[in-house]
Amino acid sequence: DIDAYLHTNWQSYVGFCMEAFYDNVLKNQFSGAMGKCLESFE
């Protein structure tokens, strides 16, 4: 997860968010978003 500066890579943070999102989906927290296409991420 770290880069040449020895801190967490920005892309890894995006991955952490996606892991949390699908953890929610599997627990039926964000079931309304399942199967929808991504429109934006910031």
Full PDB file with SEQRES, HELIX, SHEET, SSBOND, CRYST1, ORIGX, SCALE, CONECT and MASTER records, all heavy atoms in Angstrom:
SEQRES   1 A   42  ASP ILE ASP ALA TYR LEU HIS THR ASN TRP GLN SER TYR          
SEQRES   2 A   42  VAL GLY PHE CYS MET GLU ALA PHE TYR ASP ASN VAL LEU          
SEQRES   3 A   42  LYS ASN GLN PHE SER GLY ALA MET GLY LYS CYS LEU GLU          
SEQRES   4 A   42  SER PHE GLU                                                  
HELIX    1 AA1 TRP A   10  LEU A   26  1                                  17    
HELIX    2 AA2 SER A   31  ALA A   33  5                                   3    
CRYST1    1.000    1.000    1.000  90.00  90.00  90.00 P 1           1          
ORIGX1      1.000000  0.000000  0.000000        0.00000                         
ORIGX2      0.000000  1.000000  0.000000        0.00000                         
ORIGX3      0.000000  0.000000  1.000000        0.00000                         
SCALE1      1.000000  0.000000  0.000000        0.00000                         
SCALE2      0.000000  1.000000  0.000000        0.00000                         
SCALE3      0.000000  0.000000  1.000000        0.00000                         
ATOM      1  N   ASP A   1       0.805  -1.219   0.000  1.00  0.00           N  
ATOM      2  CA  ASP A   1       0.000   0.000   0.000  1.00  0.00           C  
ATOM      3  C   ASP A   1       0.841   1.273   0.000  1.00  0.00           C  
ATOM      4  O   ASP A   1       0.298   2.361  -0.191  1.00  0.00           O  
ATOM      5  CB  ASP A   1      -0.924   0.036   1.225  1.00  0.00           C  
ATOM      6  CG  ASP A   1      -1.983  -1.038   1.190  1.00  0.00           C  
ATOM      7  OD1 ASP A   1      -2.542  -1.277   0.112  1.00  0.00           O  
ATOM      8  OD2 ASP A   1      -2.241  -1.647   2.247  1.00  0.00           O  
ATOM      9  N   ILE A   2       2.150   1.156   0.247  1.00  0.00           N  
ATOM     10  CA  ILE A   2       2.959   2.367   0.360  1.00  0.00           C  
ATOM     11  C   ILE A   2       3.669   2.663  -0.963  1.00  0.00           C  
ATOM     12  O   ILE A   2       3.805   1.801  -1.823  1.00  0.00           O  
ATOM     13  CB  ILE A   2       3.982   2.262   1.508  1.00  0.00           C  
ATOM     14  CG1 ILE A   2       4.976   1.121   1.256  1.00  0.00           C  
ATOM     15  CG2 ILE A   2       3.278   2.081   2.836  1.00  0.00           C  
ATOM     16  CD1 ILE A   2       6.107   1.073   2.268  1.00  0.00           C  
ATOM     17  N   ASP A   3       4.106   3.906  -1.100  1.00  0.00           N  
ATOM     18  CA  ASP A   3       4.781   4.322  -2.325  1.00  0.00           C  
ATOM     19  C   ASP A   3       6.231   4.692  -2.034  1.00  0.00           C  
ATOM     20  O   ASP A   3       6.768   4.388  -0.963  1.00  0.00           O  
ATOM     21  CB  ASP A   3       4.024   5.481  -2.979  1.00  0.00           C  
ATOM     22  CG  ASP A   3       3.875   6.689  -2.058  1.00  0.00           C  
ATOM     23  OD1 ASP A   3       4.665   6.813  -1.089  1.00  0.00           O  
ATOM     24  OD2 ASP A   3       2.989   7.520  -2.311  1.00  0.00           O  
ATOM     25  N   ALA A   4       6.859   5.376  -2.980  1.00  0.00           N  
ATOM     26  CA  ALA A   4       8.283   5.714  -2.840  1.00  0.00           C  
ATOM     27  C   ALA A   4       8.545   6.671  -1.692  1.00  0.00           C  
ATOM     28  O   ALA A   4       9.673   6.752  -1.198  1.00  0.00           O  
ATOM     29  CB  ALA A   4       8.799   6.314  -4.153  1.00  0.00           C  
ATOM     30  N   TYR A   5       7.516   7.394  -1.251  1.00  0.00           N  
ATOM     31  CA  TYR A   5       7.667   8.325  -0.136  1.00  0.00           C  
ATOM     32  C   TYR A   5       7.435   7.651   1.217  1.00  0.00           C  
ATOM     33  O   TYR A   5       7.398   8.304   2.253  1.00  0.00           O  
ATOM     34  CB  TYR A   5       6.703   9.504  -0.282  1.00  0.00           C  
ATOM     35  CG  TYR A   5       6.944  10.346  -1.510  1.00  0.00           C  
ATOM     36  CD1 TYR A   5       5.909  11.073  -2.092  1.00  0.00           C  
ATOM     37  CD2 TYR A   5       8.208  10.430  -2.100  1.00  0.00           C  
ATOM     38  CE1 TYR A   5       6.124  11.859  -3.216  1.00  0.00           C  
ATOM     39  CE2 TYR A   5       8.431  11.211  -3.226  1.00  0.00           C  
ATOM     40  CZ  TYR A   5       7.386  11.926  -3.782  1.00  0.00           C  
ATOM     41  OH  TYR A   5       7.602  12.700  -4.894  1.00  0.00           O  
ATOM     42  N   LEU A   6       7.219   6.336   1.191  1.00  0.00           N  
ATOM     43  CA  LEU A   6       7.006   5.529   2.396  1.00  0.00           C  
ATOM     44  C   LEU A   6       5.750   5.926   3.154  1.00  0.00           C  
ATOM     45  O   LEU A   6       5.679   5.778   4.374  1.00  0.00           O  
ATOM     46  CB  LEU A   6       8.236   5.592   3.319  1.00  0.00           C  
ATOM     47  CG  LEU A   6       9.547   5.082   2.701  1.00  0.00           C  
ATOM     48  CD1 LEU A   6      10.681   5.175   3.725  1.00  0.00           C  
ATOM     49  CD2 LEU A   6       9.402   3.651   2.194  1.00  0.00           C  
ATOM     50  N   HIS A   7       4.764   6.449   2.430  1.00  0.00           N  
ATOM     51  CA  HIS A   7       3.447   6.637   3.030  1.00  0.00           C  
ATOM     52  C   HIS A   7       2.405   5.981   2.126  1.00  0.00           C  
ATOM     53  O   HIS A   7       2.710   5.556   1.011  1.00  0.00           O  
ATOM     54  CB  HIS A   7       3.138   8.115   3.292  1.00  0.00           C  
ATOM     55  CG  HIS A   7       3.007   8.959   2.055  1.00  0.00           C  
ATOM     56  ND1 HIS A   7       2.907  10.321   2.090  1.00  0.00           N  
ATOM     57  CD2 HIS A   7       2.961   8.632   0.732  1.00  0.00           C  
ATOM     58  CE1 HIS A   7       2.784  10.797   0.864  1.00  0.00           C  
ATOM     59  NE2 HIS A   7       2.814   9.799   0.026  1.00  0.00           N  
ATOM     60  N   THR A   8       1.192   5.885   2.627  1.00  0.00           N  
ATOM     61  CA  THR A   8       0.151   5.162   1.909  1.00  0.00           C  
ATOM     62  C   THR A   8      -0.135   5.819   0.562  1.00  0.00           C  
ATOM     63  O   THR A   8      -0.370   7.024   0.481  1.00  0.00           O  
ATOM     64  CB  THR A   8      -1.138   5.107   2.749  1.00  0.00           C  
ATOM     65  OG1 THR A   8      -0.828   4.564   4.032  1.00  0.00           O  
ATOM     66  CG2 THR A   8      -2.188   4.239   2.080  1.00  0.00           C  
ATOM     67  N   ASN A   9      -0.114   5.010  -0.475  1.00  0.00           N  
ATOM     68  CA  ASN A   9      -0.388   5.482  -1.823  1.00  0.00           C  
ATOM     69  C   ASN A   9      -1.831   5.962  -1.929  1.00  0.00           C  
ATOM     70  O   ASN A   9      -2.743   5.372  -1.347  1.00  0.00           O  
ATOM     71  CB  ASN A   9      -0.136   4.330  -2.809  1.00  0.00           C  
ATOM     72  CG  ASN A   9      -0.246   4.749  -4.252  1.00  0.00           C  
ATOM     73  OD1 ASN A   9      -1.316   5.074  -4.734  1.00  0.00           O  
ATOM     74  ND2 ASN A   9       0.872   4.732  -4.943  1.00  0.00           N  
ATOM     75  N   TRP A  10      -2.046   7.024  -2.697  1.00  0.00           N  
ATOM     76  CA  TRP A  10      -3.399   7.576  -2.808  1.00  0.00           C  
ATOM     77  C   TRP A  10      -4.376   6.575  -3.399  1.00  0.00           C  
ATOM     78  O   TRP A  10      -5.558   6.551  -3.039  1.00  0.00           O  
ATOM     79  CB  TRP A  10      -3.376   8.858  -3.641  1.00  0.00           C  
ATOM     80  CG  TRP A  10      -3.109   8.685  -5.100  1.00  0.00           C  
ATOM     81  CD1 TRP A  10      -1.899   8.541  -5.709  1.00  0.00           C  
ATOM     82  CD2 TRP A  10      -4.081   8.628  -6.152  1.00  0.00           C  
ATOM     83  NE1 TRP A  10      -2.045   8.401  -7.059  1.00  0.00           N  
ATOM     84  CE2 TRP A  10      -3.385   8.459  -7.369  1.00  0.00           C  
ATOM     85  CE3 TRP A  10      -5.474   8.716  -6.197  1.00  0.00           C  
ATOM     86  CZ2 TRP A  10      -4.019   8.364  -8.598  1.00  0.00           C  
ATOM     87  CZ3 TRP A  10      -6.106   8.621  -7.425  1.00  0.00           C  
ATOM     88  CH2 TRP A  10      -5.395   8.451  -8.601  1.00  0.00           C  
ATOM     89  N   GLN A  11      -3.884   5.718  -4.291  1.00  0.00           N  
ATOM     90  CA  GLN A  11      -4.770   4.719  -4.888  1.00  0.00           C  
ATOM     91  C   GLN A  11      -5.186   3.665  -3.873  1.00  0.00           C  
ATOM     92  O   GLN A  11      -6.281   3.102  -3.973  1.00  0.00           O  
ATOM     93  CB  GLN A  11      -4.076   4.073  -6.081  1.00  0.00           C  
ATOM     94  CG  GLN A  11      -3.844   5.027  -7.241  1.00  0.00           C  
ATOM     95  CD  GLN A  11      -2.993   4.415  -8.339  1.00  0.00           C  
ATOM     96  OE1 GLN A  11      -2.026   3.704  -8.066  1.00  0.00           O  
ATOM     97  NE2 GLN A  11      -3.348   4.681  -9.573  1.00  0.00           N  
ATOM     98  N   SER A  12      -4.325   3.407  -2.888  1.00  0.00           N  
ATOM     99  CA  SER A  12      -4.690   2.448  -1.841  1.00  0.00           C  
ATOM    100  C   SER A  12      -5.846   2.974  -1.004  1.00  0.00           C  
ATOM    101  O   SER A  12      -6.715   2.208  -0.587  1.00  0.00           O  
ATOM    102  CB  SER A  12      -3.475   2.148  -0.955  1.00  0.00           C  
ATOM    103  OG  SER A  12      -2.468   1.470  -1.685  1.00  0.00           O  
ATOM    104  N   TYR A  13      -5.860   4.289  -0.773  1.00  0.00           N  
ATOM    105  CA  TYR A  13      -6.983   4.869  -0.037  1.00  0.00           C  
ATOM    106  C   TYR A  13      -8.293   4.657  -0.798  1.00  0.00           C  
ATOM    107  O   TYR A  13      -9.338   4.366  -0.192  1.00  0.00           O  
ATOM    108  CB  TYR A  13      -6.760   6.370   0.183  1.00  0.00           C  
ATOM    109  CG  TYR A  13      -5.793   6.703   1.293  1.00  0.00           C  
ATOM    110  CD1 TYR A  13      -4.619   7.392   1.025  1.00  0.00           C  
ATOM    111  CD2 TYR A  13      -6.056   6.346   2.609  1.00  0.00           C  
ATOM    112  CE1 TYR A  13      -3.733   7.726   2.039  1.00  0.00           C  
ATOM    113  CE2 TYR A  13      -5.185   6.669   3.634  1.00  0.00           C  
ATOM    114  CZ  TYR A  13      -4.021   7.358   3.340  1.00  0.00           C  
ATOM    115  OH  TYR A  13      -3.140   7.675   4.350  1.00  0.00           O  
ATOM    116  N   VAL A  14      -8.239   4.812  -2.117  1.00  0.00           N  
ATOM    117  CA  VAL A  14      -9.433   4.543  -2.926  1.00  0.00           C  
ATOM    118  C   VAL A  14      -9.857   3.088  -2.746  1.00  0.00           C  
ATOM    119  O   VAL A  14     -11.050   2.778  -2.601  1.00  0.00           O  
ATOM    120  CB  VAL A  14      -9.167   4.848  -4.406  1.00  0.00           C  
ATOM    121  CG1 VAL A  14     -10.393   4.488  -5.260  1.00  0.00           C  
ATOM    122  CG2 VAL A  14      -8.808   6.321  -4.600  1.00  0.00           C  
ATOM    123  N   GLY A  15      -8.881   2.177  -2.752  1.00  0.00           N  
ATOM    124  CA  GLY A  15      -9.177   0.758  -2.538  1.00  0.00           C  
ATOM    125  C   GLY A  15      -9.802   0.499  -1.177  1.00  0.00           C  
ATOM    126  O   GLY A  15     -10.734  -0.320  -1.061  1.00  0.00           O  
ATOM    127  N   PHE A  16      -9.329   1.180  -0.148  1.00  0.00           N  
ATOM    128  CA  PHE A  16      -9.908   1.020   1.191  1.00  0.00           C  
ATOM    129  C   PHE A  16     -11.381   1.448   1.191  1.00  0.00           C  
ATOM    130  O   PHE A  16     -12.227   0.818   1.837  1.00  0.00           O  
ATOM    131  CB  PHE A  16      -9.132   1.848   2.223  1.00  0.00           C  
ATOM    132  CG  PHE A  16      -7.693   1.439   2.398  1.00  0.00           C  
ATOM    133  CD1 PHE A  16      -6.750   2.355   2.822  1.00  0.00           C  
ATOM    134  CD2 PHE A  16      -7.280   0.138   2.142  1.00  0.00           C  
ATOM    135  CE1 PHE A  16      -5.420   1.992   2.991  1.00  0.00           C  
ATOM    136  CE2 PHE A  16      -5.954  -0.240   2.307  1.00  0.00           C  
ATOM    137  CZ  PHE A  16      -5.022   0.691   2.725  1.00  0.00           C  
ATOM    138  N   CYS A  17     -11.674   2.539   0.483  1.00  0.00           N  
ATOM    139  CA  CYS A  17     -13.061   2.999   0.399  1.00  0.00           C  
ATOM    140  C   CYS A  17     -13.932   1.961  -0.303  1.00  0.00           C  
ATOM    141  O   CYS A  17     -15.063   1.680   0.129  1.00  0.00           O  
ATOM    142  CB  CYS A  17     -13.133   4.328  -0.356  1.00  0.00           C  
ATOM    143  SG  CYS A  17     -12.435   5.736   0.529  1.00  0.00           S  
ATOM    144  N   MET A  18     -13.419   1.380  -1.369  1.00  0.00           N  
ATOM    145  CA  MET A  18     -14.194   0.383  -2.099  1.00  0.00           C  
ATOM    146  C   MET A  18     -14.402  -0.872  -1.260  1.00  0.00           C  
ATOM    147  O   MET A  18     -15.481  -1.489  -1.297  1.00  0.00           O  
ATOM    148  CB  MET A  18     -13.495   0.033  -3.415  1.00  0.00           C  
ATOM    149  CG  MET A  18     -13.364   1.203  -4.387  1.00  0.00           C  
ATOM    150  SD  MET A  18     -14.946   2.027  -4.726  1.00  0.00           S  
ATOM    151  CE  MET A  18     -15.834   0.704  -5.557  1.00  0.00           C  
ATOM    152  N   GLU A  19     -13.395  -1.262  -0.492  1.00  0.00           N  
ATOM    153  CA  GLU A  19     -13.555  -2.415   0.400  1.00  0.00           C  
ATOM    154  C   GLU A  19     -14.631  -2.145   1.442  1.00  0.00           C  
ATOM    155  O   GLU A  19     -15.456  -3.019   1.750  1.00  0.00           O  
ATOM    156  CB  GLU A  19     -12.223  -2.731   1.074  1.00  0.00           C  
ATOM    157  CG  GLU A  19     -11.170  -3.302   0.126  1.00  0.00           C  
ATOM    158  CD  GLU A  19      -9.814  -3.426   0.791  1.00  0.00           C  
ATOM    159  OE1 GLU A  19      -9.720  -3.148   2.006  1.00  0.00           O  
ATOM    160  OE2 GLU A  19      -8.843  -3.791   0.095  1.00  0.00           O  
ATOM    161  N   ALA A  20     -14.627  -0.934   1.996  1.00  0.00           N  
ATOM    162  CA  ALA A  20     -15.653  -0.577   2.974  1.00  0.00           C  
ATOM    163  C   ALA A  20     -17.030  -0.550   2.335  1.00  0.00           C  
ATOM    164  O   ALA A  20     -18.027  -0.978   2.941  1.00  0.00           O  
ATOM    165  CB  ALA A  20     -15.327   0.790   3.587  1.00  0.00           C  
ATOM    166  N   PHE A  21     -17.104  -0.049   1.097  1.00  0.00           N  
ATOM    167  CA  PHE A  21     -18.377   0.005   0.392  1.00  0.00           C  
ATOM    168  C   PHE A  21     -18.959  -1.394   0.217  1.00  0.00           C  
ATOM    169  O   PHE A  21     -20.132  -1.649   0.533  1.00  0.00           O  
ATOM    170  CB  PHE A  21     -18.195   0.690  -0.959  1.00  0.00           C  
ATOM    171  CG  PHE A  21     -19.376   0.550  -1.877  1.00  0.00           C  
ATOM    172  CD1 PHE A  21     -20.539   1.253  -1.635  1.00  0.00           C  
ATOM    173  CD2 PHE A  21     -19.320  -0.281  -2.979  1.00  0.00           C  
ATOM    174  CE1 PHE A  21     -21.638   1.125  -2.481  1.00  0.00           C  
ATOM    175  CE2 PHE A  21     -20.405  -0.421  -3.825  1.00  0.00           C  
ATOM    176  CZ  PHE A  21     -21.569   0.294  -3.579  1.00  0.00           C  
ATOM    177  N   TYR A  22     -18.157  -2.337  -0.291  1.00  0.00           N  
ATOM    178  CA  TYR A  22     -18.677  -3.679  -0.542  1.00  0.00           C  
ATOM    179  C   TYR A  22     -18.899  -4.453   0.757  1.00  0.00           C  
ATOM    180  O   TYR A  22     -19.749  -5.348   0.806  1.00  0.00           O  
ATOM    181  CB  TYR A  22     -17.752  -4.440  -1.487  1.00  0.00           C  
ATOM    182  CG  TYR A  22     -17.926  -3.981  -2.920  1.00  0.00           C  
ATOM    183  CD1 TYR A  22     -16.953  -3.210  -3.550  1.00  0.00           C  
ATOM    184  CD2 TYR A  22     -19.091  -4.277  -3.625  1.00  0.00           C  
ATOM    185  CE1 TYR A  22     -17.130  -2.765  -4.855  1.00  0.00           C  
ATOM    186  CE2 TYR A  22     -19.268  -3.840  -4.918  1.00  0.00           C  
ATOM    187  CZ  TYR A  22     -18.293  -3.080  -5.530  1.00  0.00           C  
ATOM    188  OH  TYR A  22     -18.476  -2.630  -6.816  1.00  0.00           O  
ATOM    189  N   ASP A  23     -18.182  -4.102   1.799  1.00  0.00           N  
ATOM    190  CA  ASP A  23     -18.466  -4.680   3.104  1.00  0.00           C  
ATOM    191  C   ASP A  23     -19.861  -4.265   3.560  1.00  0.00           C  
ATOM    192  O   ASP A  23     -20.615  -5.063   4.126  1.00  0.00           O  
ATOM    193  CB  ASP A  23     -17.409  -4.227   4.116  1.00  0.00           C  
ATOM    194  CG  ASP A  23     -17.540  -4.933   5.459  1.00  0.00           C  
ATOM    195  OD1 ASP A  23     -17.510  -6.184   5.483  1.00  0.00           O  
ATOM    196  OD2 ASP A  23     -17.669  -4.244   6.489  1.00  0.00           O  
ATOM    197  N   ASN A  24     -20.199  -3.012   3.275  1.00  0.00           N  
ATOM    198  CA  ASN A  24     -21.549  -2.524   3.561  1.00  0.00           C  
ATOM    199  C   ASN A  24     -22.591  -3.248   2.723  1.00  0.00           C  
ATOM    200  O   ASN A  24     -23.657  -3.631   3.216  1.00  0.00           O  
ATOM    201  CB  ASN A  24     -21.633  -1.022   3.273  1.00  0.00           C  
ATOM    202  CG  ASN A  24     -21.320  -0.179   4.487  1.00  0.00           C  
ATOM    203  OD1 ASN A  24     -21.903  -0.359   5.544  1.00  0.00           O  
ATOM    204  ND2 ASN A  24     -20.377   0.735   4.341  1.00  0.00           N  
ATOM    205  N   VAL A  25     -22.291  -3.411   1.432  1.00  0.00           N  
ATOM    206  CA  VAL A  25     -23.242  -4.064   0.526  1.00  0.00           C  
ATOM    207  C   VAL A  25     -23.531  -5.485   0.996  1.00  0.00           C  
ATOM    208  O   VAL A  25     -24.690  -5.931   1.025  1.00  0.00           O  
ATOM    209  CB  VAL A  25     -22.693  -4.067  -0.916  1.00  0.00           C  
ATOM    210  CG1 VAL A  25     -23.544  -4.974  -1.811  1.00  0.00           C  
ATOM    211  CG2 VAL A  25     -22.671  -2.644  -1.479  1.00  0.00           C  
ATOM    212  N   LEU A  26     -22.489  -6.213   1.370  1.00  0.00           N  
ATOM    213  CA  LEU A  26     -22.671  -7.595   1.811  1.00  0.00           C  
ATOM    214  C   LEU A  26     -23.474  -7.673   3.107  1.00  0.00           C  
ATOM    215  O   LEU A  26     -24.099  -8.696   3.395  1.00  0.00           O  
ATOM    216  CB  LEU A  26     -21.306  -8.263   2.003  1.00  0.00           C  
ATOM    217  CG  LEU A  26     -20.509  -8.505   0.705  1.00  0.00           C  
ATOM    218  CD1 LEU A  26     -19.118  -9.033   1.026  1.00  0.00           C  
ATOM    219  CD2 LEU A  26     -21.246  -9.478  -0.210  1.00  0.00           C  
ATOM    220  N   LYS A  27     -23.463  -6.597   3.855  1.00  0.00           N  
ATOM    221  CA  LYS A  27     -24.237  -6.550   5.098  1.00  0.00           C  
ATOM    222  C   LYS A  27     -25.574  -5.837   4.899  1.00  0.00           C  
ATOM    223  O   LYS A  27     -26.228  -5.462   5.872  1.00  0.00           O  
ATOM    224  CB  LYS A  27     -23.417  -5.855   6.192  1.00  0.00           C  
ATOM    225  CG  LYS A  27     -22.157  -6.634   6.580  1.00  0.00           C  
ATOM    226  CD  LYS A  27     -21.325  -5.887   7.608  1.00  0.00           C  
ATOM    227  CE  LYS A  27     -20.080  -6.695   7.978  1.00  0.00           C  
ATOM    228  NZ  LYS A  27     -19.205  -5.975   8.932  1.00  0.00           N  
ATOM    229  N   ASN A  28     -25.946  -5.638   3.626  1.00  0.00           N  
ATOM    230  CA  ASN A  28     -27.231  -5.023   3.259  1.00  0.00           C  
ATOM    231  C   ASN A  28     -27.383  -3.593   3.771  1.00  0.00           C  
ATOM    232  O   ASN A  28     -28.498  -3.123   3.992  1.00  0.00           O  
ATOM    233  CB  ASN A  28     -28.398  -5.886   3.767  1.00  0.00           C  
ATOM    234  CG  ASN A  28     -28.437  -7.239   3.092  1.00  0.00           C  
ATOM    235  OD1 ASN A  28     -28.220  -7.350   1.889  1.00  0.00           O  
ATOM    236  ND2 ASN A  28     -28.697  -8.274   3.883  1.00  0.00           N  
ATOM    237  N   GLN A  29     -26.262  -2.899   3.920  1.00  0.00           N  
ATOM    238  CA  GLN A  29     -26.309  -1.504   4.351  1.00  0.00           C  
ATOM    239  C   GLN A  29     -26.538  -0.574   3.158  1.00  0.00           C  
ATOM    240  O   GLN A  29     -27.321   0.347   3.234  1.00  0.00           O  
ATOM    241  CB  GLN A  29     -24.982  -1.135   5.046  1.00  0.00           C  
ATOM    242  CG  GLN A  29     -24.651  -1.997   6.249  1.00  0.00           C  
ATOM    243  CD  GLN A  29     -25.262  -1.471   7.531  1.00  0.00           C  
ATOM    244  OE1 GLN A  29     -25.778  -0.354   7.571  1.00  0.00           O  
ATOM    245  NE2 GLN A  29     -25.205  -2.267   8.589  1.00  0.00           N  
ATOM    246  N   PHE A  30     -25.820  -0.840   2.055  1.00  0.00           N  
ATOM    247  CA  PHE A  30     -25.930  -0.013   0.860  1.00  0.00           C  
ATOM    248  C   PHE A  30     -26.515  -0.823  -0.295  1.00  0.00           C  
ATOM    249  O   PHE A  30     -26.087  -0.710  -1.442  1.00  0.00           O  
ATOM    250  CB  PHE A  30     -24.548   0.523   0.446  1.00  0.00           C  
ATOM    251  CG  PHE A  30     -23.934   1.492   1.416  1.00  0.00           C  
ATOM    252  CD1 PHE A  30     -22.563   1.686   1.427  1.00  0.00           C  
ATOM    253  CD2 PHE A  30     -24.707   2.206   2.300  1.00  0.00           C  
ATOM    254  CE1 PHE A  30     -21.977   2.573   2.310  1.00  0.00           C  
ATOM    255  CE2 PHE A  30     -24.143   3.091   3.194  1.00  0.00           C  
ATOM    256  CZ  PHE A  30     -22.775   3.281   3.201  1.00  0.00           C  
ATOM    257  N   SER A  31     -27.491  -1.639  -0.016  1.00  0.00           N  
ATOM    258  CA  SER A  31     -28.023  -2.543  -1.040  1.00  0.00           C  
ATOM    259  C   SER A  31     -28.598  -1.793  -2.236  1.00  0.00           C  
ATOM    260  O   SER A  31     -28.623  -2.307  -3.355  1.00  0.00           O  
ATOM    261  CB  SER A  31     -29.100  -3.447  -0.432  1.00  0.00           C  
ATOM    262  OG  SER A  31     -30.137  -2.661   0.162  1.00  0.00           O  
ATOM    263  N   GLY A  32     -29.043  -0.565  -2.043  1.00  0.00           N  
ATOM    264  CA  GLY A  32     -29.617   0.199  -3.140  1.00  0.00           C  
ATOM    265  C   GLY A  32     -28.608   0.572  -4.207  1.00  0.00           C  
ATOM    266  O   GLY A  32     -28.975   0.888  -5.337  1.00  0.00           O  
ATOM    267  N   ALA A  33     -27.308   0.550  -3.850  1.00  0.00           N  
ATOM    268  CA  ALA A  33     -26.271   0.922  -4.807  1.00  0.00           C  
ATOM    269  C   ALA A  33     -25.707  -0.282  -5.540  1.00  0.00           C  
ATOM    270  O   ALA A  33     -24.932  -0.123  -6.483  1.00  0.00           O  
ATOM    271  CB  ALA A  33     -25.140   1.663  -4.085  1.00  0.00           C  
ATOM    272  N   MET A  34     -26.077  -1.475  -5.131  1.00  0.00           N  
ATOM    273  CA  MET A  34     -25.510  -2.677  -5.746  1.00  0.00           C  
ATOM    274  C   MET A  34     -25.916  -2.788  -7.211  1.00  0.00           C  
ATOM    275  O   MET A  34     -27.084  -2.623  -7.566  1.00  0.00           O  
ATOM    276  CB  MET A  34     -25.977  -3.924  -4.987  1.00  0.00           C  
ATOM    277  CG  MET A  34     -25.295  -5.201  -5.422  1.00  0.00           C  
ATOM    278  SD  MET A  34     -23.526  -5.144  -5.121  1.00  0.00           S  
ATOM    279  CE  MET A  34     -23.044  -6.760  -5.708  1.00  0.00           C  
ATOM    280  N   GLY A  35     -24.945  -3.058  -8.079  1.00  0.00           N  
ATOM    281  CA  GLY A  35     -25.219  -3.246  -9.489  1.00  0.00           C  
ATOM    282  C   GLY A  35     -25.297  -1.972 -10.292  1.00  0.00           C  
ATOM    283  O   GLY A  35     -25.451  -2.013 -11.516  1.00  0.00           O  
ATOM    284  N   LYS A  36     -25.174  -0.815  -9.664  1.00  0.00           N  
ATOM    285  CA  LYS A  36     -25.212   0.456 -10.380  1.00  0.00           C  
ATOM    286  C   LYS A  36     -23.812   0.851 -10.840  1.00  0.00           C  
ATOM    287  O   LYS A  36     -22.810   0.479 -10.228  1.00  0.00           O  
ATOM    288  CB  LYS A  36     -25.801   1.550  -9.485  1.00  0.00           C  
ATOM    289  CG  LYS A  36     -27.263   1.334  -9.129  1.00  0.00           C  
ATOM    290  CD  LYS A  36     -27.805   2.490  -8.298  1.00  0.00           C  
ATOM    291  CE  LYS A  36     -29.278   2.300  -7.972  1.00  0.00           C  
ATOM    292  NZ  LYS A  36     -29.826   3.422  -7.168  1.00  0.00           N  
ATOM    293  N   CYS A  37     -23.755   1.616 -11.898  1.00  0.00           N  
ATOM    294  CA  CYS A  37     -22.471   2.028 -12.467  1.00  0.00           C  
ATOM    295  C   CYS A  37     -21.974   3.310 -11.787  1.00  0.00           C  
ATOM    296  O   CYS A  37     -22.751   4.224 -11.497  1.00  0.00           O  
ATOM    297  CB  CYS A  37     -22.611   2.275 -13.960  1.00  0.00           C  
ATOM    298  SG  CYS A  37     -23.048   0.793 -14.902  1.00  0.00           S  
ATOM    299  N   LEU A  38     -20.670   3.359 -11.559  1.00  0.00           N  
ATOM    300  CA  LEU A  38     -20.067   4.514 -10.903  1.00  0.00           C  
ATOM    301  C   LEU A  38     -20.144   5.746 -11.797  1.00  0.00           C  
ATOM    302  O   LEU A  38     -19.780   5.711 -12.975  1.00  0.00           O  
ATOM    303  CB  LEU A  38     -18.602   4.204 -10.559  1.00  0.00           C  
ATOM    304  CG  LEU A  38     -17.843   5.280  -9.783  1.00  0.00           C  
ATOM    305  CD1 LEU A  38     -18.435   5.439  -8.383  1.00  0.00           C  
ATOM    306  CD2 LEU A  38     -16.367   4.929  -9.688  1.00  0.00           C  
ATOM    307  N   GLU A  39     -20.613   6.843 -11.224  1.00  0.00           N  
ATOM    308  CA  GLU A  39     -20.717   8.106 -11.962  1.00  0.00           C  
ATOM    309  C   GLU A  39     -19.569   9.053 -11.615  1.00  0.00           C  
ATOM    310  O   GLU A  39     -19.008   9.713 -12.496  1.00  0.00           O  
ATOM    311  CB  GLU A  39     -22.055   8.782 -11.651  1.00  0.00           C  
ATOM    312  CG  GLU A  39     -22.238  10.114 -12.354  1.00  0.00           C  
ATOM    313  CD  GLU A  39     -23.584  10.753 -12.041  1.00  0.00           C  
ATOM    314  OE1 GLU A  39     -24.373  10.165 -11.277  1.00  0.00           O  
ATOM    315  OE2 GLU A  39     -23.846  11.857 -12.571  1.00  0.00           O  
ATOM    316  N   SER A  40     -19.216   9.124 -10.340  1.00  0.00           N  
ATOM    317  CA  SER A  40     -18.135  10.031  -9.940  1.00  0.00           C  
ATOM    318  C   SER A  40     -17.494   9.565  -8.643  1.00  0.00           C  
ATOM    319  O   SER A  40     -18.119   8.865  -7.836  1.00  0.00           O  
ATOM    320  CB  SER A  40     -18.664  11.465  -9.767  1.00  0.00           C  
ATOM    321  OG  SER A  40     -19.600  11.522  -8.701  1.00  0.00           O  
ATOM    322  N   PHE A  41     -16.237   9.955  -8.480  1.00  0.00           N  
ATOM    323  CA  PHE A  41     -15.519   9.693  -7.235  1.00  0.00           C  
ATOM    324  C   PHE A  41     -14.577  10.868  -7.009  1.00  0.00           C  
ATOM    325  O   PHE A  41     -13.852  11.283  -7.906  1.00  0.00           O  
ATOM    326  CB  PHE A  41     -14.708   8.404  -7.313  1.00  0.00           C  
ATOM    327  CG  PHE A  41     -14.044   8.016  -6.013  1.00  0.00           C  
ATOM    328  CD1 PHE A  41     -14.676   7.144  -5.136  1.00  0.00           C  
ATOM    329  CD2 PHE A  41     -12.808   8.533  -5.654  1.00  0.00           C  
ATOM    330  CE1 PHE A  41     -14.086   6.808  -3.930  1.00  0.00           C  
ATOM    331  CE2 PHE A  41     -12.210   8.205  -4.454  1.00  0.00           C  
ATOM    332  CZ  PHE A  41     -12.849   7.329  -3.589  1.00  0.00           C  
ATOM    333  N   GLU A  42     -14.609  11.415  -5.797  1.00  0.00           N  
ATOM    334  CA  GLU A  42     -13.684  12.495  -5.468  1.00  0.00           C  
ATOM    335  C   GLU A  42     -13.134  12.280  -4.066  1.00  0.00           C  
ATOM    336  O   GLU A  42     -13.790  11.691  -3.203  1.00  0.00           O  
ATOM    337  CB  GLU A  42     -14.348  13.867  -5.578  1.00  0.00           C  
ATOM    338  CG  GLU A  42     -15.532  14.106  -4.671  1.00  0.00           C  
ATOM    339  CD  GLU A  42     -16.109  15.505  -4.843  1.00  0.00           C  
ATOM    340  OE1 GLU A  42     -15.309  16.463  -5.060  1.00  0.00           O  
ATOM    341  OE2 GLU A  42     -17.336  15.660  -4.762  1.00  0.00           O  
TER     342      GLU A  42                                                      
MASTER        0    0    0    2    0    0    0    6  341    1    0    4          
END                                                                             
